[in-house]
Amino acid sequence: MSSGATIVRFRNLRRFRAVSGILLLSAAVIVTAGYRTPALSRGWLLAFAILSCLPIGSMILLLIHSLTGGRWGTVTAAMLRPSAALTAAVAIAFLPILATCSQLYPWAQDGSQIAQDVGRWYLNWGSYVLRAGLALGGWCVLGITFGLGKGGRLLAGLGLAFYGATINLVAVDWFLSVEPHYVATAFPAMIAIQQLAATLAFVALLTAPALDESAASDVGALLLAVLLGVVYLEFMTYLVAWYGDLPDKAAWYLKRSSPGWATTIVLAFAFGAALPFCILIVRKYRRSRYGLQSAGILVLLGTVLHFCWLIVPAFDQQGAVLIFGMGALVALALSALLIGGALSPALEAQHGQ
């Protein structure tokens, strides 16, 4: 290896350590301030839910491509690999949530009803930490392994099975249990597909200029498919809840049917699903750079609105939660871009060996 390449690697490593240190310091600040300002820790949960989609979704796309092949995975690998390696940063970003659990989840508060009935056997501190550690640890291993281009077909198959099992646990733990009496069996699958949709939208936005028409069409078709999956699961969950006419399910939707939140979900559907669908269904636009990028921007906007609608109505001081959440989202996004930029040359060099 030349001395110039060694210097570049060293600089990237220093940048990676510096940004990782900043992320750890930010997590410590959130933990400290979260005890005094619950809206801050709740905003962090919102930002975590949105931004964690990209590393986790990138990891899943790499696993899928290892099993199925396809040119779409080859031409987007330069972006997917560093993003998947950021699953370690997702684990760091989860620490404030772990430390401020009592500010986020009713079941974690002393004297709560859920802590006194049969739900305590599942929703308790020890099992919550165990499930989170299992999921994040396994995802880190898979994300880094496939980010380095070292994983094989067998590991990819086992990894997808592991992800399917763990997302069913932690999607409920992290997001749905902010209102523990509401149950939706399709919720974990909807979160998983939303992660894929956000990742493919990000891929479309960043890699479209470098894609030829065939590869752009493949990425657009994948994005179109996962969009239909998100809309289908969200609609069917609502339909089943409506037909069931159960108080707990009705209460969950009533919180999200106020004029402001009803407008939010309508905008999420319009920007995040309907308009991208109209763009991507037309082959000419799906194969074009600007069509693919436009669809990517709209889906990312819809993802943000969708997670706001899912999580924020569970809390009081919703305006403060939204403000802190958007601020934390910007901070996490900038940290992720800096870390990803530092990792990308090293991963490319490693993959090329």
Protein backbone atom coordinates (compact mmCIF):
# COMPACT_ATOMS: atom_id res chain seq x y z
CA MET A 1 0.00 0.00 0.00
CA SER A 2 1.32 3.46 -0.88
CA SER A 3 2.12 6.05 1.78
CA GLY A 4 -0.59 8.33 0.35
CA ALA A 5 -3.26 5.67 0.82
CA THR A 6 -2.01 5.06 4.35
CA ILE A 7 -2.31 8.77 5.18
CA VAL A 8 -5.88 8.87 3.78
CA ARG A 9 -6.86 5.86 5.88
CA PHE A 10 -5.33 7.42 8.96
CA ARG A 11 -7.20 10.67 8.41
CA ASN A 12 -10.46 8.80 7.86
CA LEU A 13 -9.88 6.79 11.03
CA ARG A 14 -9.24 9.98 13.02
CA ARG A 15 -12.40 11.54 11.60
CA PHE A 16 -14.37 8.40 12.46
CA ARG A 17 -13.11 8.45 16.05
CA ALA A 18 -13.80 12.17 16.40
CA VAL A 19 -17.37 11.94 15.14
CA SER A 20 -18.02 8.80 17.21
CA GLY A 21 -16.79 10.69 20.27
CA ILE A 22 -19.14 13.57 19.47
CA LEU A 23 -22.02 11.11 19.12
CA LEU A 24 -21.20 9.54 22.49
CA LEU A 25 -20.97 12.99 24.09
CA SER A 26 -24.34 13.92 22.56
CA ALA A 27 -25.84 10.72 23.97
CA ALA A 28 -24.50 11.59 27.42
CA VAL A 29 -26.00 15.10 27.20
CA ILE A 30 -29.38 13.67 26.17
CA VAL A 31 -29.31 11.22 29.08
CA THR A 32 -28.45 13.97 31.57
CA ALA A 33 -30.96 16.49 30.26
CA GLY A 34 -33.63 13.90 29.57
CA TYR A 35 -34.32 13.40 33.26
CA ARG A 36 -35.18 17.10 33.64
CA THR A 37 -36.86 17.56 30.24
CA PRO A 38 -38.92 14.49 29.20
CA ALA A 39 -39.72 16.10 25.83
CA LEU A 40 -36.01 15.92 24.97
CA SER A 41 -35.74 12.16 25.47
CA ARG A 42 -39.04 11.66 23.64
CA GLY A 43 -37.80 13.76 20.75
CA TRP A 44 -34.65 11.62 20.69
CA LEU A 45 -36.82 8.49 20.40
CA LEU A 46 -38.57 10.03 17.38
CA ALA A 47 -35.26 10.94 15.72
CA PHE A 48 -33.86 7.48 16.48
CA ALA A 49 -36.90 5.79 14.93
CA ILE A 50 -36.51 7.77 11.70
CA LEU A 51 -32.75 7.71 11.21
CA SER A 52 -32.18 4.11 12.30
CA CYS A 53 -34.16 3.09 9.20
CA LEU A 54 -31.18 3.80 6.94
CA PRO A 55 -28.42 1.63 8.51
CA ILE A 56 -30.81 -1.20 9.31
CA GLY A 57 -32.48 -1.03 5.90
CA SER A 58 -29.06 -0.96 4.18
CA MET A 59 -28.04 -4.07 6.09
CA ILE A 60 -31.22 -5.86 4.99
CA LEU A 61 -30.73 -4.88 1.34
CA LEU A 62 -27.17 -6.22 1.42
CA LEU A 63 -28.45 -9.49 2.88
CA ILE A 64 -31.15 -9.74 0.23
CA HIS A 65 -28.68 -8.99 -2.57
CA SER A 66 -26.28 -11.66 -1.27
CA LEU A 67 -29.07 -14.21 -1.71
CA THR A 68 -30.73 -13.00 -4.90
CA GLY A 69 -28.00 -11.17 -6.80
CA GLY A 70 -28.97 -8.48 -9.28
CA ARG A 71 -27.29 -5.47 -10.78
CA TRP A 72 -29.23 -3.09 -8.52
CA GLY A 73 -27.20 -4.26 -5.52
CA THR A 74 -23.88 -4.00 -7.35
CA VAL A 75 -24.36 -0.41 -8.49
CA THR A 76 -25.66 0.78 -5.11
CA ALA A 77 -23.18 -1.15 -2.94
CA ALA A 78 -20.85 1.84 -2.56
CA MET A 79 -23.60 3.60 -0.62
CA LEU A 80 -25.17 0.60 1.10
CA ARG A 81 -21.94 -0.76 2.62
CA PRO A 82 -20.92 2.29 4.72
CA SER A 83 -24.55 2.84 5.67
CA ALA A 84 -24.89 -0.76 6.88
CA ALA A 85 -21.69 -0.40 8.90
CA LEU A 86 -23.39 2.43 10.79
CA THR A 87 -25.47 -0.12 12.71
CA ALA A 88 -22.80 0.34 15.40
CA ALA A 89 -23.77 4.03 15.57
CA VAL A 90 -27.42 2.96 15.92
CA ALA A 91 -26.44 1.02 19.04
CA ILE A 92 -24.74 4.13 20.45
CA ALA A 93 -27.76 6.30 19.64
CA PHE A 94 -29.96 3.84 21.52
CA LEU A 95 -28.16 4.45 24.83
CA PRO A 96 -30.15 7.61 25.75
CA ILE A 97 -33.39 5.70 25.17
CA LEU A 98 -32.18 2.95 27.46
CA ALA A 99 -31.14 5.40 30.16
CA THR A 100 -34.34 7.47 30.08
CA CYS A 101 -36.73 4.54 29.79
CA SER A 102 -39.02 5.79 32.55
CA GLN A 103 -39.59 9.05 30.63
CA LEU A 104 -40.74 7.17 27.54
CA TYR A 105 -42.70 4.08 28.53
CA PRO A 106 -45.62 3.87 30.97
CA TRP A 107 -44.70 0.31 31.91
CA ALA A 108 -41.27 1.50 33.13
CA GLN A 109 -42.78 3.94 35.63
CA ASP A 110 -43.20 2.99 39.27
CA GLY A 111 -46.76 2.05 40.18
CA SER A 112 -47.97 1.78 36.59
CA GLN A 113 -50.86 -0.58 35.91
CA ILE A 114 -48.89 -2.60 33.37
CA ALA A 115 -46.22 -3.23 36.02
CA GLN A 116 -48.84 -4.86 38.22
CA ASP A 117 -50.61 -7.19 35.78
CA VAL A 118 -49.49 -10.05 33.54
CA GLY A 119 -47.76 -7.62 31.15
CA ARG A 120 -44.91 -7.25 33.63
CA TRP A 121 -43.57 -10.65 32.57
CA TYR A 122 -42.77 -9.22 29.14
CA LEU A 123 -42.54 -5.43 29.59
CA ASN A 124 -39.92 -5.10 32.28
CA TRP A 125 -36.46 -3.58 32.43
CA GLY A 126 -34.45 -6.80 32.31
CA SER A 127 -36.20 -8.37 29.32
CA TYR A 128 -36.30 -5.02 27.49
CA VAL A 129 -32.52 -4.66 27.80
CA LEU A 130 -31.97 -8.30 26.83
CA ARG A 131 -34.05 -8.04 23.66
CA ALA A 132 -32.49 -4.73 22.67
CA GLY A 133 -28.97 -6.02 23.27
CA LEU A 134 -29.66 -9.19 21.27
CA ALA A 135 -31.10 -7.28 18.31
CA LEU A 136 -28.54 -4.47 18.21
CA GLY A 137 -25.61 -6.82 18.78
CA GLY A 138 -26.68 -9.14 15.99
CA TRP A 139 -27.42 -6.27 13.61
CA CYS A 140 -24.03 -4.72 14.31
CA VAL A 141 -22.28 -7.97 13.44
CA LEU A 142 -24.30 -8.38 10.25
CA GLY A 143 -24.01 -4.73 9.22
CA ILE A 144 -20.25 -4.58 9.68
CA THR A 145 -19.64 -8.01 8.11
CA PHE A 146 -21.63 -7.27 4.97
CA GLY A 147 -20.42 -3.68 4.95
CA LEU A 148 -16.93 -5.10 4.57
CA GLY A 149 -18.20 -7.39 1.80
CA LYS A 150 -17.29 -10.51 3.77
CA GLY A 151 -20.67 -12.18 4.24
CA GLY A 152 -21.77 -15.24 2.26
CA ARG A 153 -25.13 -16.65 1.20
CA LEU A 154 -25.52 -18.87 4.27
CA LEU A 155 -24.90 -16.00 6.67
CA ALA A 156 -27.25 -13.79 4.64
CA GLY A 157 -30.05 -16.36 4.94
CA LEU A 158 -29.50 -16.80 8.66
CA GLY A 159 -29.22 -13.04 9.07
CA LEU A 160 -32.57 -12.41 7.41
CA ALA A 161 -34.20 -15.00 9.65
CA PHE A 162 -32.57 -13.36 12.69
CA TYR A 163 -33.76 -9.93 11.59
CA GLY A 164 -37.30 -11.22 11.07
CA ALA A 165 -37.36 -12.59 14.60
CA THR A 166 -35.76 -9.61 16.34
CA ILE A 167 -37.67 -6.83 14.56
CA ASN A 168 -40.87 -8.47 15.81
CA LEU A 169 -39.57 -7.99 19.35
CA VAL A 170 -37.92 -4.57 19.32
CA ALA A 171 -40.44 -2.75 17.09
CA VAL A 172 -43.00 -3.44 19.80
CA ASP A 173 -40.56 -2.65 22.63
CA TRP A 174 -39.17 0.58 21.22
CA PHE A 175 -42.15 2.19 19.52
CA LEU A 176 -45.46 0.44 20.17
CA SER A 177 -45.00 0.09 23.94
CA VAL A 178 -45.16 3.85 24.43
CA GLU A 179 -48.86 2.92 24.62
CA PRO A 180 -48.63 -0.64 25.99
CA HIS A 181 -52.34 -1.47 25.91
CA TYR A 182 -52.52 -1.13 22.12
CA VAL A 183 -51.63 -4.28 20.17
CA ALA A 184 -51.14 -4.60 16.40
CA THR A 185 -49.59 -7.81 15.06
CA ALA A 186 -48.73 -6.19 11.70
CA PHE A 187 -46.85 -3.31 13.32
CA PRO A 188 -43.34 -4.92 13.25
CA ALA A 189 -43.74 -5.89 9.58
CA MET A 190 -44.84 -2.35 8.75
CA ILE A 191 -41.77 -0.92 10.53
CA ALA A 192 -39.50 -3.35 8.66
CA ILE A 193 -40.92 -2.39 5.27
CA GLN A 194 -40.79 1.30 6.18
CA GLN A 195 -37.08 0.86 6.90
CA LEU A 196 -36.60 -0.62 3.44
CA ALA A 197 -38.64 2.17 1.84
CA ALA A 198 -36.61 4.91 3.54
CA THR A 199 -33.34 3.23 2.57
CA LEU A 200 -34.31 2.76 -1.07
CA ALA A 201 -35.48 6.39 -1.17
CA PHE A 202 -32.11 7.50 0.17
CA VAL A 203 -30.34 5.29 -2.38
CA ALA A 204 -32.48 6.76 -5.16
CA LEU A 205 -31.70 10.29 -4.03
CA LEU A 206 -27.91 9.88 -3.79
CA THR A 207 -27.05 7.35 -6.48
CA ALA A 208 -29.49 8.31 -9.27
CA PRO A 209 -26.94 10.49 -11.12
CA ALA A 210 -24.54 7.53 -11.37
CA LEU A 211 -27.13 4.94 -12.48
CA ASP A 212 -27.88 3.99 -16.04
CA GLU A 213 -31.51 3.64 -17.12
CA SER A 214 -31.69 -0.09 -16.43
CA ALA A 215 -30.28 0.14 -12.89
CA ALA A 216 -32.43 3.21 -12.14
CA SER A 217 -35.51 1.28 -13.25
CA ASP A 218 -34.61 -1.62 -10.93
CA VAL A 219 -34.18 0.68 -7.91
CA GLY A 220 -37.42 2.48 -8.77
CA ALA A 221 -39.31 -0.80 -9.09
CA LEU A 222 -38.05 -1.98 -5.70
CA LEU A 223 -39.07 1.32 -4.12
CA LEU A 224 -42.50 1.04 -5.71
CA ALA A 225 -42.96 -2.47 -4.30
CA VAL A 226 -42.06 -1.55 -0.71
CA LEU A 227 -44.29 1.55 -0.87
CA LEU A 228 -47.24 -0.66 -1.70
CA GLY A 229 -46.27 -2.89 1.24
CA VAL A 230 -46.26 -0.01 3.74
CA VAL A 231 -49.61 1.34 2.55
CA TYR A 232 -51.20 -2.12 2.55
CA LEU A 233 -50.10 -2.97 6.09
CA GLU A 234 -51.07 0.43 7.49
CA PHE A 235 -54.49 0.29 5.87
CA MET A 236 -55.18 -3.33 6.87
CA THR A 237 -54.17 -2.59 10.48
CA TYR A 238 -56.68 0.26 10.56
CA LEU A 239 -59.36 -1.86 8.88
CA VAL A 240 -58.97 -4.72 11.36
CA ALA A 241 -59.04 -2.29 14.29
CA TRP A 242 -62.18 -0.62 12.90
CA TYR A 243 -64.00 -3.92 12.45
CA GLY A 244 -62.86 -5.14 15.87
CA ASP A 245 -64.35 -2.04 17.56
CA LEU A 246 -62.21 -2.56 20.68
CA PRO A 247 -61.72 0.31 23.19
CA ASP A 248 -57.90 0.11 23.32
CA LYS A 249 -57.56 0.18 19.54
CA ALA A 250 -60.14 2.94 19.20
CA ALA A 251 -58.34 5.05 21.82
CA TRP A 252 -55.05 4.71 19.93
CA TYR A 253 -56.59 5.95 16.68
CA LEU A 254 -58.62 8.68 18.38
CA LYS A 255 -55.39 10.27 19.62
CA ARG A 256 -54.25 10.42 16.00
CA SER A 257 -57.51 11.69 14.52
CA SER A 258 -57.38 15.28 15.77
CA PRO A 259 -57.30 17.85 12.94
CA GLY A 260 -53.52 18.30 13.17
CA TRP A 261 -52.63 14.61 13.24
CA ALA A 262 -55.26 13.68 10.66
CA THR A 263 -53.66 16.25 8.34
CA THR A 264 -50.25 14.74 9.09
CA ILE A 265 -51.21 11.22 8.03
CA VAL A 266 -52.98 12.54 4.92
CA LEU A 267 -49.82 14.44 3.95
CA ALA A 268 -47.70 11.37 4.74
CA PHE A 269 -49.85 9.31 2.38
CA ALA A 270 -49.89 11.99 -0.33
CA PHE A 271 -46.17 12.84 -0.27
CA GLY A 272 -44.79 9.49 0.87
CA ALA A 273 -46.92 7.12 -1.20
CA ALA A 274 -49.40 8.56 -3.71
CA LEU A 275 -47.11 11.03 -5.51
CA PRO A 276 -44.08 8.68 -5.60
CA PHE A 277 -46.38 5.94 -6.90
CA CYS A 278 -47.54 8.19 -9.73
CA ILE A 279 -43.92 8.96 -10.61
CA LEU A 280 -42.53 5.44 -10.36
CA ILE A 281 -45.38 3.67 -12.13
CA VAL A 282 -44.40 5.50 -15.34
CA ARG A 283 -41.39 3.73 -16.79
CA LYS A 284 -40.00 6.88 -18.39
CA TYR A 285 -39.83 8.71 -15.05
CA ARG A 286 -38.66 5.65 -13.16
CA ARG A 287 -35.65 5.39 -15.46
CA SER A 288 -34.79 9.08 -15.30
CA ARG A 289 -32.45 10.72 -12.81
CA TYR A 290 -34.82 13.49 -11.82
CA GLY A 291 -37.86 11.22 -11.57
CA LEU A 292 -36.04 8.82 -9.26
CA GLN A 293 -34.62 11.61 -7.10
CA SER A 294 -38.02 13.30 -6.83
CA ALA A 295 -39.60 10.05 -5.69
CA GLY A 296 -36.79 9.56 -3.16
CA ILE A 297 -37.26 13.01 -1.61
CA LEU A 298 -41.02 12.51 -1.35
CA VAL A 299 -40.69 9.09 0.30
CA LEU A 300 -38.19 10.42 2.85
CA LEU A 301 -40.58 13.27 3.69
CA GLY A 302 -43.44 10.79 4.01
CA THR A 303 -41.32 8.59 6.30
CA VAL A 304 -40.69 11.50 8.68
CA LEU A 305 -44.39 12.42 8.76
CA HIS A 306 -45.42 8.79 9.24
CA PHE A 307 -43.15 8.27 12.26
CA CYS A 308 -44.31 11.58 13.76
CA TRP A 309 -47.91 10.37 13.47
CA LEU A 310 -47.06 6.99 14.98
CA ILE A 311 -45.04 8.15 17.99
CA VAL A 312 -45.65 11.76 19.04
CA PRO A 313 -49.42 11.57 19.85
CA ALA A 314 -48.59 9.16 22.68
CA PHE A 315 -46.94 11.99 24.66
CA ASP A 316 -47.92 15.30 26.16
CA GLN A 317 -46.02 18.50 25.22
CA GLN A 318 -46.22 17.34 21.61
CA GLY A 319 -44.93 20.61 20.16
CA ALA A 320 -41.76 20.40 22.25
CA VAL A 321 -41.32 16.73 21.35
CA LEU A 322 -41.52 17.60 17.64
CA ILE A 323 -39.04 20.48 17.98
CA PHE A 324 -36.53 18.40 19.94
CA GLY A 325 -37.10 15.46 17.60
CA MET A 326 -36.37 17.42 14.45
CA GLY A 327 -33.28 18.98 16.06
CA ALA A 328 -32.00 15.57 17.13
CA LEU A 329 -32.76 14.20 13.66
CA VAL A 330 -30.60 16.87 12.02
CA ALA A 331 -27.77 16.26 14.52
CA LEU A 332 -27.90 12.49 14.03
CA ALA A 333 -28.09 12.84 10.25
CA LEU A 334 -25.00 15.07 10.14
CA SER A 335 -23.11 12.67 12.41
CA ALA A 336 -24.12 9.72 10.23
CA LEU A 337 -23.00 11.50 7.05
CA LEU A 338 -19.63 12.36 8.58
CA ILE A 339 -19.05 8.85 9.91
CA GLY A 340 -20.24 7.31 6.63
CA GLY A 341 -17.92 9.59 4.68
CA ALA A 342 -15.02 8.52 6.86
CA LEU A 343 -15.86 4.84 6.54
CA SER A 344 -16.56 4.74 2.81
CA PRO A 345 -12.94 4.88 1.48
CA ALA A 346 -11.75 2.32 4.02
CA LEU A 347 -14.61 -0.06 3.19
CA GLU A 348 -14.02 0.33 -0.53
CA ALA A 349 -10.32 -0.42 -0.08
CA GLN A 350 -11.11 -3.42 2.12
CA HIS A 351 -13.72 -4.71 -0.34
CA GLY A 352 -11.27 -4.37 -3.22
CA GLN A 353 -8.62 -6.53 -1.55
